[in-house]
Amino acid sequence: MTDTTAAPDVAALTFEQALAELETLVGRLERGDVPLEESIAAYERGEALKARCAGLLSIAEARVEKIRVGADGRAAGTEALDPDRA
Protein backbone atom coordinates (compact mmCIF):
# COMPACT_ATOMS: atom_id res chain seq x y z
CA MET A 1 0.00 0.00 0.00
CA THR A 2 1.28 3.42 -0.81
CA ASP A 3 0.38 6.68 0.91
CA THR A 4 -2.94 6.14 2.70
CA THR A 5 -3.86 9.82 2.35
CA ALA A 6 -4.24 9.24 -1.40
CA ALA A 7 -6.65 6.34 -0.82
CA PRO A 8 -10.34 6.86 -1.55
CA ASP A 9 -12.59 8.09 1.22
CA VAL A 10 -13.82 5.05 3.14
CA ALA A 11 -17.37 6.43 3.25
CA ALA A 12 -17.50 6.40 -0.56
CA LEU A 13 -16.53 2.73 -0.92
CA THR A 14 -18.97 -0.06 -1.67
CA PHE A 15 -18.97 -3.11 0.60
CA GLU A 16 -16.99 -5.08 -1.94
CA GLN A 17 -14.37 -2.34 -2.38
CA ALA A 18 -13.96 -1.86 1.36
CA LEU A 19 -13.68 -5.60 1.99
CA ALA A 20 -11.12 -6.09 -0.79
CA GLU A 21 -8.97 -3.25 0.52
CA LEU A 22 -9.27 -4.57 4.07
CA GLU A 23 -8.18 -8.05 2.96
CA THR A 24 -5.18 -6.53 1.16
CA LEU A 25 -4.19 -4.54 4.25
CA VAL A 26 -4.50 -7.55 6.53
CA GLY A 27 -2.38 -9.63 4.16
CA ARG A 28 0.39 -7.04 4.11
CA LEU A 29 0.34 -6.65 7.87
CA GLU A 30 0.40 -10.42 8.41
CA ARG A 31 3.45 -10.77 6.15
CA GLY A 32 5.23 -8.18 8.27
CA ASP A 33 6.76 -6.38 5.30
CA VAL A 34 5.37 -2.96 6.24
CA PRO A 35 7.44 -0.35 8.12
CA LEU A 36 6.13 0.62 11.57
CA GLU A 37 4.66 4.03 10.65
CA GLU A 38 2.95 2.59 7.59
CA SER A 39 1.66 -0.31 9.71
CA ILE A 40 0.03 2.12 12.12
CA ALA A 41 -1.61 4.04 9.26
CA ALA A 42 -2.73 0.77 7.65
CA TYR A 43 -4.20 -0.42 10.95
CA GLU A 44 -6.14 2.84 11.35
CA ARG A 45 -7.47 2.59 7.80
CA GLY A 46 -8.31 -1.04 8.41
CA GLU A 47 -10.41 -0.07 11.41
CA ALA A 48 -12.30 2.48 9.27
CA LEU A 49 -12.80 -0.12 6.53
CA LYS A 50 -14.07 -2.65 9.07
CA ALA A 51 -16.55 -0.11 10.41
CA ARG A 52 -17.72 0.69 6.85
CA CYS A 53 -18.28 -3.00 6.09
CA ALA A 54 -20.15 -3.51 9.37
CA GLY A 55 -22.36 -0.49 8.68
CA LEU A 56 -23.21 -1.63 5.17
CA LEU A 57 -23.98 -5.14 6.41
CA SER A 58 -26.28 -3.68 9.04
CA ILE A 59 -28.12 -1.71 6.34
CA ALA A 60 -28.44 -4.82 4.17
CA GLU A 61 -29.77 -6.81 7.12
CA ALA A 62 -32.36 -4.14 7.90
CA ARG A 63 -33.40 -4.05 4.26
CA VAL A 64 -33.85 -7.81 4.12
CA GLU A 65 -35.96 -7.68 7.27
CA LYS A 66 -38.22 -5.11 5.64
CA ILE A 67 -39.06 -7.30 2.65
CA ARG A 68 -42.81 -7.60 2.55
CA VAL A 69 -44.35 -10.92 1.64
CA GLY A 70 -47.50 -10.94 -0.46
CA ALA A 71 -50.51 -13.23 -0.02
CA ASP A 72 -48.98 -15.69 -2.48
CA GLY A 73 -45.85 -16.03 -0.33
CA ARG A 74 -43.65 -14.12 -2.74
CA ALA A 75 -41.71 -11.00 -1.90
CA ALA A 76 -43.90 -8.03 -2.66
CA GLY A 77 -41.20 -5.37 -2.41
CA THR A 78 -38.76 -3.71 -0.12
CA GLU A 79 -38.43 -0.33 1.49
CA ALA A 80 -35.51 1.55 -0.01
CA LEU A 81 -32.94 2.58 2.56
CA ASP A 82 -30.35 5.32 2.19
CA PRO A 83 -26.92 3.63 2.69
CA ASP A 84 -25.45 6.86 4.06
CA ARG A 85 -27.91 6.93 6.97
CA ALA A 86 -26.23 4.05 8.79
C-alpha atoms as a PDB file:
ATOM      1  CA  MET A   1       0.000   0.000   0.000  1.00  0.00           C
ATOM      2  CA  THR A   2       1.285   3.415  -0.813  1.00  0.00           C
ATOM      3  CA  ASP A   3       0.382   6.675   0.909  1.00  0.00           C
ATOM      4  CA  THR A   4      -2.939   6.143   2.704  1.00  0.00           C
ATOM      5  CA  THR A   5      -3.859   9.824   2.348  1.00  0.00           C
ATOM      6  CA  ALA A   6      -4.244   9.241  -1.403  1.00  0.00           C
ATOM      7  CA  ALA A   7      -6.646   6.336  -0.815  1.00  0.00           C
ATOM      8  CA  PRO A   8     -10.342   6.856  -1.555  1.00  0.00           C
ATOM      9  CA  ASP A   9     -12.594   8.095   1.222  1.00  0.00           C
ATOM     10  CA  VAL A  10     -13.821   5.054   3.135  1.00  0.00           C
ATOM     11  CA  ALA A  11     -17.372   6.426   3.246  1.00  0.00           C
ATOM     12  CA  ALA A  12     -17.501   6.399  -0.558  1.00  0.00           C
ATOM     13  CA  LEU A  13     -16.531   2.729  -0.916  1.00  0.00           C
ATOM     14  CA  THR A  14     -18.965  -0.062  -1.669  1.00  0.00           C
ATOM     15  CA  PHE A  15     -18.971  -3.106   0.600  1.00  0.00           C
ATOM     16  CA  GLU A  16     -16.991  -5.083  -1.944  1.00  0.00           C
ATOM     17  CA  GLN A  17     -14.375  -2.343  -2.384  1.00  0.00           C
ATOM     18  CA  ALA A  18     -13.955  -1.858   1.363  1.00  0.00           C
ATOM     19  CA  LEU A  19     -13.675  -5.602   1.992  1.00  0.00           C
ATOM     20  CA  ALA A  20     -11.123  -6.088  -0.794  1.00  0.00           C
ATOM     21  CA  GLU A  21      -8.969  -3.251   0.523  1.00  0.00           C
ATOM     22  CA  LEU A  22      -9.271  -4.568   4.075  1.00  0.00           C
ATOM     23  CA  GLU A  23      -8.179  -8.047   2.956  1.00  0.00           C
ATOM     24  CA  THR A  24      -5.180  -6.529   1.157  1.00  0.00           C
ATOM     25  CA  LEU A  25      -4.187  -4.537   4.247  1.00  0.00           C
ATOM     26  CA  VAL A  26      -4.499  -7.554   6.526  1.00  0.00           C
ATOM     27  CA  GLY A  27      -2.377  -9.635   4.160  1.00  0.00           C
ATOM     28  CA  ARG A  28       0.392  -7.044   4.108  1.00  0.00           C
ATOM     29  CA  LEU A  29       0.337  -6.647   7.874  1.00  0.00           C
ATOM     30  CA  GLU A  30       0.404 -10.423   8.405  1.00  0.00           C
ATOM     31  CA  ARG A  31       3.447 -10.775   6.146  1.00  0.00           C
ATOM     32  CA  GLY A  32       5.228  -8.176   8.266  1.00  0.00           C
ATOM     33  CA  ASP A  33       6.759  -6.377   5.296  1.00  0.00           C
ATOM     34  CA  VAL A  34       5.373  -2.964   6.242  1.00  0.00           C
ATOM     35  CA  PRO A  35       7.437  -0.349   8.119  1.00  0.00           C
ATOM     36  CA  LEU A  36       6.132   0.624  11.575  1.00  0.00           C
ATOM     37  CA  GLU A  37       4.663   4.025  10.650  1.00  0.00           C
ATOM     38  CA  GLU A  38       2.948   2.586   7.593  1.00  0.00           C
ATOM     39  CA  SER A  39       1.661  -0.313   9.714  1.00  0.00           C
ATOM     40  CA  ILE A  40       0.027   2.120  12.116  1.00  0.00           C
ATOM     41  CA  ALA A  41      -1.613   4.044   9.258  1.00  0.00           C
ATOM     42  CA  ALA A  42      -2.727   0.772   7.648  1.00  0.00           C
ATOM     43  CA  TYR A  43      -4.197  -0.418  10.946  1.00  0.00           C
ATOM     44  CA  GLU A  44      -6.136   2.845  11.350  1.00  0.00           C
ATOM     45  CA  ARG A  45      -7.466   2.595   7.797  1.00  0.00           C
ATOM     46  CA  GLY A  46      -8.312  -1.042   8.411  1.00  0.00           C
ATOM     47  CA  GLU A  47     -10.414  -0.066  11.415  1.00  0.00           C
ATOM     48  CA  ALA A  48     -12.298   2.476   9.269  1.00  0.00           C
ATOM     49  CA  LEU A  49     -12.798  -0.123   6.526  1.00  0.00           C
ATOM     50  CA  LYS A  50     -14.070  -2.653   9.066  1.00  0.00           C
ATOM     51  CA  ALA A  51     -16.554  -0.105  10.410  1.00  0.00           C
ATOM     52  CA  ARG A  52     -17.723   0.687   6.852  1.00  0.00           C
ATOM     53  CA  CYS A  53     -18.284  -2.998   6.091  1.00  0.00           C
ATOM     54  CA  ALA A  54     -20.152  -3.514   9.368  1.00  0.00           C
ATOM     55  CA  GLY A  55     -22.356  -0.489   8.679  1.00  0.00           C
ATOM     56  CA  LEU A  56     -23.207  -1.629   5.169  1.00  0.00           C
ATOM     57  CA  LEU A  57     -23.976  -5.145   6.408  1.00  0.00           C
ATOM     58  CA  SER A  58     -26.282  -3.676   9.035  1.00  0.00           C
ATOM     59  CA  ILE A  59     -28.123  -1.708   6.343  1.00  0.00           C
ATOM     60  CA  ALA A  60     -28.439  -4.821   4.173  1.00  0.00           C
ATOM     61  CA  GLU A  61     -29.767  -6.807   7.120  1.00  0.00           C
ATOM     62  CA  ALA A  62     -32.358  -4.138   7.900  1.00  0.00           C
ATOM     63  CA  ARG A  63     -33.397  -4.049   4.262  1.00  0.00           C
ATOM     64  CA  VAL A  64     -33.849  -7.813   4.120  1.00  0.00           C
ATOM     65  CA  GLU A  65     -35.960  -7.684   7.273  1.00  0.00           C
ATOM     66  CA  LYS A  66     -38.225  -5.108   5.636  1.00  0.00           C
ATOM     67  CA  ILE A  67     -39.061  -7.303   2.654  1.00  0.00           C
ATOM     68  CA  ARG A  68     -42.810  -7.598   2.547  1.00  0.00           C
ATOM     69  CA  VAL A  69     -44.345 -10.918   1.638  1.00  0.00           C
ATOM     70  CA  GLY A  70     -47.503 -10.944  -0.461  1.00  0.00           C
ATOM     71  CA  ALA A  71     -50.510 -13.226  -0.019  1.00  0.00           C
ATOM     72  CA  ASP A  72     -48.983 -15.686  -2.476  1.00  0.00           C
ATOM     73  CA  GLY A  73     -45.855 -16.033  -0.329  1.00  0.00           C
ATOM     74  CA  ARG A  74     -43.654 -14.120  -2.742  1.00  0.00           C
ATOM     75  CA  ALA A  75     -41.707 -11.004  -1.900  1.00  0.00           C
ATOM     76  CA  ALA A  76     -43.904  -8.028  -2.656  1.00  0.00           C
ATOM     77  CA  GLY A  77     -41.197  -5.373  -2.405  1.00  0.00           C
ATOM     78  CA  THR A  78     -38.758  -3.706  -0.117  1.00  0.00           C
ATOM     79  CA  GLU A  79     -38.427  -0.335   1.488  1.00  0.00           C
ATOM     80  CA  ALA A  80     -35.512   1.549  -0.015  1.00  0.00           C
ATOM     81  CA  LEU A  81     -32.936   2.580   2.558  1.00  0.00           C
ATOM     82  CA  ASP A  82     -30.347   5.324   2.189  1.00  0.00           C
ATOM     83  CA  PRO A  83     -26.921   3.631   2.692  1.00  0.00           C
ATOM     84  CA  ASP A  84     -25.449   6.859   4.056  1.00  0.00           C
ATOM     85  CA  ARG A  85     -27.910   6.931   6.973  1.00  0.00           C
ATOM     86  CA  ALA A  86     -26.235   4.050   8.794  1.00  0.00           C
END
